[in-house]
């Protein structure tokens, strides 16, 4: 177990001593390739899309879940990095805590980083996030295939990104993966 140096950054509204959420420590192991999508019934239902990179989970909150349809562009708001322990978290965050509501793992698996520079060399995930474009191949139970995340606004603050399914053999133009209505 790493030192008792908590992951929490200044301004994080969660209380690690109250509630079922994992306290979070920086993970000493790097190079992890796990992803998780958590369905979070907070004040507003949304999905948390997370990719393991550099010992943390790079995270985005999505008002609608991921889609297998390449024509669907899903808004994804960049959130703070989360501790690795969040990848397995399911439970109810108490009412008086930040993010109050029920969290369930909607999908999980591994991913391959497909982000490359002009010479064909892999760009590390953290660097790709910093640059504003990331391409991955997901190996999940529900999500399979290529997906791209692209920042559509300025860097910093509440960054707006789009998650789009790549056109590949796993694409399905007739199905909305999250079960959310396309017309609500």
C-alpha atoms as a PDB file:
ATOM      1  CA  UNK A   1       0.000   0.000   0.000  1.00  0.00           C
ATOM      2  CA  UNK A   2       1.383   3.440  -0.872  1.00  0.00           C
ATOM      3  CA  UNK A   3       2.142   6.025   1.787  1.00  0.00           C
ATOM      4  CA  UNK A   4      -0.824   7.631   3.551  1.00  0.00           C
ATOM      5  CA  UNK A   5      -0.568  10.532   1.117  1.00  0.00           C
ATOM      6  CA  UNK A   6      -4.087  10.992  -0.124  1.00  0.00           C
ATOM      7  CA  UNK A   7      -4.946  11.577  -3.743  1.00  0.00           C
ATOM      8  CA  UNK A   8      -7.272  14.461  -3.005  1.00  0.00           C
ATOM      9  CA  UNK A   9      -6.391  17.773  -4.577  1.00  0.00           C
ATOM     10  CA  UNK A  10      -7.128  21.182  -3.124  1.00  0.00           C
ATOM     11  CA  UNK A  11     -10.730  22.128  -3.833  1.00  0.00           C
ATOM     12  CA  UNK A  12     -12.012  18.533  -4.011  1.00  0.00           C
ATOM     13  CA  UNK A  13     -15.354  18.541  -2.242  1.00  0.00           C
ATOM     14  CA  UNK A  14     -15.382  14.866  -1.255  1.00  0.00           C
ATOM     15  CA  UNK A  15     -14.737  13.875   2.342  1.00  0.00           C
ATOM     16  CA  UNK A  16     -12.603  10.709   2.234  1.00  0.00           C
ATOM     17  CA  UNK A  17     -13.523   9.872   5.836  1.00  0.00           C
ATOM     18  CA  UNK A  18     -17.278   9.821   5.253  1.00  0.00           C
ATOM     19  CA  UNK A  19     -19.117   7.533   2.876  1.00  0.00           C
ATOM     20  CA  UNK A  20     -18.317   4.420   0.894  1.00  0.00           C
ATOM     21  CA  UNK A  21     -16.019   5.957  -1.722  1.00  0.00           C
ATOM     22  CA  UNK A  22     -12.436   4.693  -1.772  1.00  0.00           C
ATOM     23  CA  UNK A  23     -10.044   7.206  -0.173  1.00  0.00           C
ATOM     24  CA  UNK A  24      -7.665   7.129  -3.115  1.00  0.00           C
ATOM     25  CA  UNK A  25      -3.923   7.016  -3.171  1.00  0.00           C
ATOM     26  CA  UNK A  26      -1.538   7.637  -6.030  1.00  0.00           C
ATOM     27  CA  UNK A  27      -0.886   4.271  -7.581  1.00  0.00           C
ATOM     28  CA  UNK A  28       2.796   3.441  -7.935  1.00  0.00           C
ATOM     29  CA  UNK A  29       2.161   1.220 -10.926  1.00  0.00           C
ATOM     30  CA  UNK A  30       2.000   2.920 -14.273  1.00  0.00           C
ATOM     31  CA  UNK A  31       1.114   1.666 -17.728  1.00  0.00           C
ATOM     32  CA  UNK A  32      -2.286   0.332 -16.745  1.00  0.00           C
ATOM     33  CA  UNK A  33      -4.731  -0.035 -19.603  1.00  0.00           C
ATOM     34  CA  UNK A  34      -8.084  -0.432 -17.832  1.00  0.00           C
ATOM     35  CA  UNK A  35     -11.208   1.534 -18.649  1.00  0.00           C
ATOM     36  CA  UNK A  36     -14.503   1.775 -16.827  1.00  0.00           C
ATOM     37  CA  UNK A  37     -17.833   3.458 -17.503  1.00  0.00           C
ATOM     38  CA  UNK A  38     -19.864   4.080 -14.367  1.00  0.00           C
ATOM     39  CA  UNK A  39     -23.555   4.960 -14.408  1.00  0.00           C
ATOM     40  CA  UNK A  40     -23.953   7.688 -11.794  1.00  0.00           C
ATOM     41  CA  UNK A  41     -27.457   8.537 -10.607  1.00  0.00           C
ATOM     42  CA  UNK A  42     -26.460  11.812  -8.945  1.00  0.00           C
ATOM     43  CA  UNK A  43     -28.419  15.050  -9.066  1.00  0.00           C
ATOM     44  CA  UNK A  44     -28.600  14.311 -12.797  1.00  0.00           C
ATOM     45  CA  UNK A  45     -28.093  10.867 -14.303  1.00  0.00           C
ATOM     46  CA  UNK A  46     -24.820  10.730 -16.206  1.00  0.00           C
ATOM     47  CA  UNK A  47     -22.028   8.336 -17.113  1.00  0.00           C
ATOM     48  CA  UNK A  48     -18.426   8.625 -15.917  1.00  0.00           C
ATOM     49  CA  UNK A  49     -15.945   7.509 -18.591  1.00  0.00           C
ATOM     50  CA  UNK A  50     -12.534   6.670 -17.136  1.00  0.00           C
ATOM     51  CA  UNK A  51      -9.208   5.558 -18.622  1.00  0.00           C
ATOM     52  CA  UNK A  52      -6.302   4.366 -16.496  1.00  0.00           C
ATOM     53  CA  UNK A  53      -3.106   6.269 -17.268  1.00  0.00           C
ATOM     54  CA  UNK A  54      -0.073   7.291 -15.237  1.00  0.00           C
ATOM     55  CA  UNK A  55      -1.411   5.739 -12.036  1.00  0.00           C
ATOM     56  CA  UNK A  56      -4.781   7.552 -12.070  1.00  0.00           C
ATOM     57  CA  UNK A  57      -8.102   7.392 -13.896  1.00  0.00           C
ATOM     58  CA  UNK A  58      -8.441  10.173 -16.477  1.00  0.00           C
ATOM     59  CA  UNK A  59     -12.136  11.039 -16.224  1.00  0.00           C
ATOM     60  CA  UNK A  60     -15.010  12.594 -18.151  1.00  0.00           C
ATOM     61  CA  UNK A  61     -18.680  13.018 -17.142  1.00  0.00           C
ATOM     62  CA  UNK A  62     -21.132  12.331 -19.962  1.00  0.00           C
ATOM     63  CA  UNK A  63     -24.791  13.462 -19.809  1.00  0.00           C
ATOM     64  CA  UNK A  64     -25.650  10.540 -22.106  1.00  0.00           C
ATOM     65  CA  UNK A  65     -23.841   7.231 -22.220  1.00  0.00           C
ATOM     66  CA  UNK A  66     -21.455   6.110 -24.949  1.00  0.00           C
ATOM     67  CA  UNK A  67     -22.932   5.068 -28.280  1.00  0.00           C
ATOM     68  CA  UNK A  68     -21.969   2.394 -30.801  1.00  0.00           C
ATOM     69  CA  UNK A  69     -23.245   4.670 -33.571  1.00  0.00           C
ATOM     70  CA  UNK A  70     -20.473   6.700 -35.280  1.00  0.00           C
ATOM     71  CA  UNK A  71     -23.019   9.432 -36.105  1.00  0.00           C
ATOM     72  CA  UNK A  72     -23.599  10.117 -32.385  1.00  0.00           C
ATOM     73  CA  UNK A  73     -21.342  12.720 -30.831  1.00  0.00           C
ATOM     74  CA  UNK A  74     -21.474  12.468 -27.045  1.00  0.00           C
ATOM     75  CA  UNK A  75     -20.585  15.466 -24.916  1.00  0.00           C
ATOM     76  CA  UNK A  76     -17.968  14.603 -22.283  1.00  0.00           C
ATOM     77  CA  UNK A  77     -16.937  17.121 -19.601  1.00  0.00           C
ATOM     78  CA  UNK A  78     -13.410  16.596 -18.290  1.00  0.00           C
ATOM     79  CA  UNK A  79     -13.408  16.078 -14.532  1.00  0.00           C
ATOM     80  CA  UNK A  80     -10.614  15.650 -12.019  1.00  0.00           C
ATOM     81  CA  UNK A  81      -8.436  12.571 -12.219  1.00  0.00           C
ATOM     82  CA  UNK A  82      -9.691   9.861  -9.877  1.00  0.00           C
ATOM     83  CA  UNK A  83      -7.758   7.268  -7.867  1.00  0.00           C
ATOM     84  CA  UNK A  84      -7.337   3.830  -9.434  1.00  0.00           C
ATOM     85  CA  UNK A  85      -9.588   2.374  -6.712  1.00  0.00           C
ATOM     86  CA  UNK A  86     -12.574   4.116  -8.348  1.00  0.00           C
ATOM     87  CA  UNK A  87     -12.419   1.631 -11.235  1.00  0.00           C
ATOM     88  CA  UNK A  88     -14.192  -0.966  -9.090  1.00  0.00           C
ATOM     89  CA  UNK A  89     -16.371   1.381  -7.047  1.00  0.00           C
ATOM     90  CA  UNK A  90     -20.099   0.683  -6.824  1.00  0.00           C
ATOM     91  CA  UNK A  91     -22.283   2.054  -4.064  1.00  0.00           C
ATOM     92  CA  UNK A  92     -24.278   4.992  -2.830  1.00  0.00           C
ATOM     93  CA  UNK A  93     -22.580   8.279  -2.008  1.00  0.00           C
ATOM     94  CA  UNK A  94     -24.476   9.877   0.926  1.00  0.00           C
ATOM     95  CA  UNK A  95     -26.826  12.823   0.312  1.00  0.00           C
ATOM     96  CA  UNK A  96     -24.637  15.422   2.024  1.00  0.00           C
ATOM     97  CA  UNK A  97     -21.537  14.502  -0.010  1.00  0.00           C
ATOM     98  CA  UNK A  98     -20.298  15.790  -3.358  1.00  0.00           C
ATOM     99  CA  UNK A  99     -21.617  13.489  -6.117  1.00  0.00           C
ATOM    100  CA  UNK A 100     -24.383  12.079  -3.901  1.00  0.00           C
ATOM    101  CA  UNK A 101     -26.227   9.205  -5.560  1.00  0.00           C
ATOM    102  CA  UNK A 102     -25.826   5.640  -6.711  1.00  0.00           C
ATOM    103  CA  UNK A 103     -22.828   4.546  -8.774  1.00  0.00           C
ATOM    104  CA  UNK A 104     -22.782   1.260 -10.710  1.00  0.00           C
ATOM    105  CA  UNK A 105     -20.202  -0.147 -13.105  1.00  0.00           C
ATOM    106  CA  UNK A 106     -21.964  -0.025 -16.487  1.00  0.00           C
ATOM    107  CA  UNK A 107     -19.034  -1.472 -18.451  1.00  0.00           C
ATOM    108  CA  UNK A 108     -15.363  -2.218 -17.854  1.00  0.00           C
ATOM    109  CA  UNK A 109     -12.454  -3.796 -19.624  1.00  0.00           C
ATOM    110  CA  UNK A 110      -9.111  -2.924 -21.118  1.00  0.00           C
ATOM    111  CA  UNK A 111      -8.093  -0.574 -23.884  1.00  0.00           C
ATOM    112  CA  UNK A 112      -5.360  -0.026 -26.426  1.00  0.00           C
ATOM    113  CA  UNK A 113      -4.036   3.473 -27.017  1.00  0.00           C
ATOM    114  CA  UNK A 114      -4.309   4.219 -30.756  1.00  0.00           C
ATOM    115  CA  UNK A 115      -3.094   7.825 -30.519  1.00  0.00           C
ATOM    116  CA  UNK A 116      -0.065   8.366 -32.758  1.00  0.00           C
ATOM    117  CA  UNK A 117       2.103  11.274 -33.828  1.00  0.00           C
ATOM    118  CA  UNK A 118       3.008  12.023 -37.455  1.00  0.00           C
ATOM    119  CA  UNK A 119       5.853   9.494 -37.381  1.00  0.00           C
ATOM    120  CA  UNK A 120       3.546   6.732 -36.115  1.00  0.00           C
ATOM    121  CA  UNK A 121       4.925   6.698 -32.560  1.00  0.00           C
ATOM    122  CA  UNK A 122       2.419   6.219 -29.735  1.00  0.00           C
ATOM    123  CA  UNK A 123       1.517   9.361 -27.803  1.00  0.00           C
ATOM    124  CA  UNK A 124       1.043   8.517 -24.097  1.00  0.00           C
ATOM    125  CA  UNK A 125      -2.545   8.922 -22.887  1.00  0.00           C
ATOM    126  CA  UNK A 126      -1.748  11.736 -20.434  1.00  0.00           C
ATOM    127  CA  UNK A 127       0.047  13.659 -23.195  1.00  0.00           C
ATOM    128  CA  UNK A 128      -2.825  13.035 -25.631  1.00  0.00           C
ATOM    129  CA  UNK A 129      -5.308  14.394 -23.070  1.00  0.00           C
ATOM    130  CA  UNK A 130      -3.095  17.443 -22.620  1.00  0.00           C
ATOM    131  CA  UNK A 131      -3.014  17.936 -26.416  1.00  0.00           C
ATOM    132  CA  UNK A 132      -6.784  17.521 -26.715  1.00  0.00           C
ATOM    133  CA  UNK A 133      -7.181  14.374 -28.805  1.00  0.00           C
ATOM    134  CA  UNK A 134      -7.125  10.713 -27.854  1.00  0.00           C
ATOM    135  CA  UNK A 135      -7.997   7.560 -29.802  1.00  0.00           C
ATOM    136  CA  UNK A 136      -8.508   4.201 -28.065  1.00  0.00           C
ATOM    137  CA  UNK A 137      -9.735   0.711 -28.851  1.00  0.00           C
ATOM    138  CA  UNK A 138     -11.995  -0.548 -26.059  1.00  0.00           C
ATOM    139  CA  UNK A 139     -12.234  -4.224 -25.108  1.00  0.00           C
ATOM    140  CA  UNK A 140     -15.319  -4.148 -22.883  1.00  0.00           C
ATOM    141  CA  UNK A 141     -18.459  -6.211 -22.461  1.00  0.00           C
ATOM    142  CA  UNK A 142     -20.698  -3.554 -24.026  1.00  0.00           C
ATOM    143  CA  UNK A 143     -18.181  -1.207 -25.615  1.00  0.00           C
ATOM    144  CA  UNK A 144     -15.933  -2.749 -28.234  1.00  0.00           C
ATOM    145  CA  UNK A 145     -13.957  -1.014 -30.928  1.00  0.00           C
ATOM    146  CA  UNK A 146     -12.405   2.331 -31.649  1.00  0.00           C
ATOM    147  CA  UNK A 147     -13.457   5.553 -29.931  1.00  0.00           C
ATOM    148  CA  UNK A 148     -12.046   9.059 -30.192  1.00  0.00           C
ATOM    149  CA  UNK A 149     -12.154  11.805 -27.574  1.00  0.00           C
ATOM    150  CA  UNK A 150     -11.562  15.331 -28.877  1.00  0.00           C
ATOM    151  CA  UNK A 151     -11.522  18.570 -26.900  1.00  0.00           C
ATOM    152  CA  UNK A 152     -13.892  21.093 -28.522  1.00  0.00           C
ATOM    153  CA  UNK A 153     -13.301  24.097 -26.290  1.00  0.00           C
ATOM    154  CA  UNK A 154     -10.349  25.813 -24.673  1.00  0.00           C
ATOM    155  CA  UNK A 155      -8.083  23.883 -22.325  1.00  0.00           C
ATOM    156  CA  UNK A 156      -8.544  24.331 -18.583  1.00  0.00           C
ATOM    157  CA  UNK A 157     -11.616  24.753 -16.430  1.00  0.00           C
ATOM    158  CA  UNK A 158     -14.608  22.631 -17.409  1.00  0.00           C
ATOM    159  CA  UNK A 159     -13.195  21.303 -20.679  1.00  0.00           C
ATOM    160  CA  UNK A 160     -15.773  20.151 -23.202  1.00  0.00           C
ATOM    161  CA  UNK A 161     -14.902  17.068 -25.248  1.00  0.00           C
ATOM    162  CA  UNK A 162     -16.748  14.838 -27.712  1.00  0.00           C
ATOM    163  CA  UNK A 163     -16.671  11.041 -27.563  1.00  0.00           C
ATOM    164  CA  UNK A 164     -17.317   9.499 -30.977  1.00  0.00           C
ATOM    165  CA  UNK A 165     -17.390   5.843 -32.033  1.00  0.00           C
ATOM    166  CA  UNK A 166     -15.008   5.089 -34.886  1.00  0.00           C
ATOM    167  CA  UNK A 167     -16.456   3.493 -38.000  1.00  0.00           C
ATOM    168  CA  UNK A 168     -15.235  -0.078 -37.662  1.00  0.00           C
ATOM    169  CA  UNK A 169     -16.736  -3.559 -37.684  1.00  0.00           C
ATOM    170  CA  UNK A 170     -18.067  -3.018 -34.145  1.00  0.00           C
ATOM    171  CA  UNK A 171     -20.030   0.109 -35.062  1.00  0.00           C
ATOM    172  CA  UNK A 172     -23.815  -0.211 -34.959  1.00  0.00           C
ATOM    173  CA  UNK A 173     -25.824   2.651 -36.426  1.00  0.00           C
ATOM    174  CA  UNK A 174     -29.087   1.244 -35.054  1.00  0.00           C
ATOM    175  CA  UNK A 175     -28.204   0.934 -31.388  1.00  0.00           C
ATOM    176  CA  UNK A 176     -27.721   3.417 -28.580  1.00  0.00           C
ATOM    177  CA  UNK A 177     -25.466   1.568 -26.115  1.00  0.00           C
ATOM    178  CA  UNK A 178     -26.655   3.386 -23.003  1.00  0.00           C
ATOM    179  CA  UNK A 179     -30.299   2.566 -23.609  1.00  0.00           C
ATOM    180  CA  UNK A 180     -31.074   6.285 -23.571  1.00  0.00           C
ATOM    181  CA  UNK A 181     -33.608   7.481 -26.097  1.00  0.00           C
ATOM    182  CA  UNK A 182     -32.091   9.271 -29.062  1.00  0.00           C
ATOM    183  CA  UNK A 183     -35.047  11.661 -29.101  1.00  0.00           C
ATOM    184  CA  UNK A 184     -35.511  12.743 -25.491  1.00  0.00           C
END
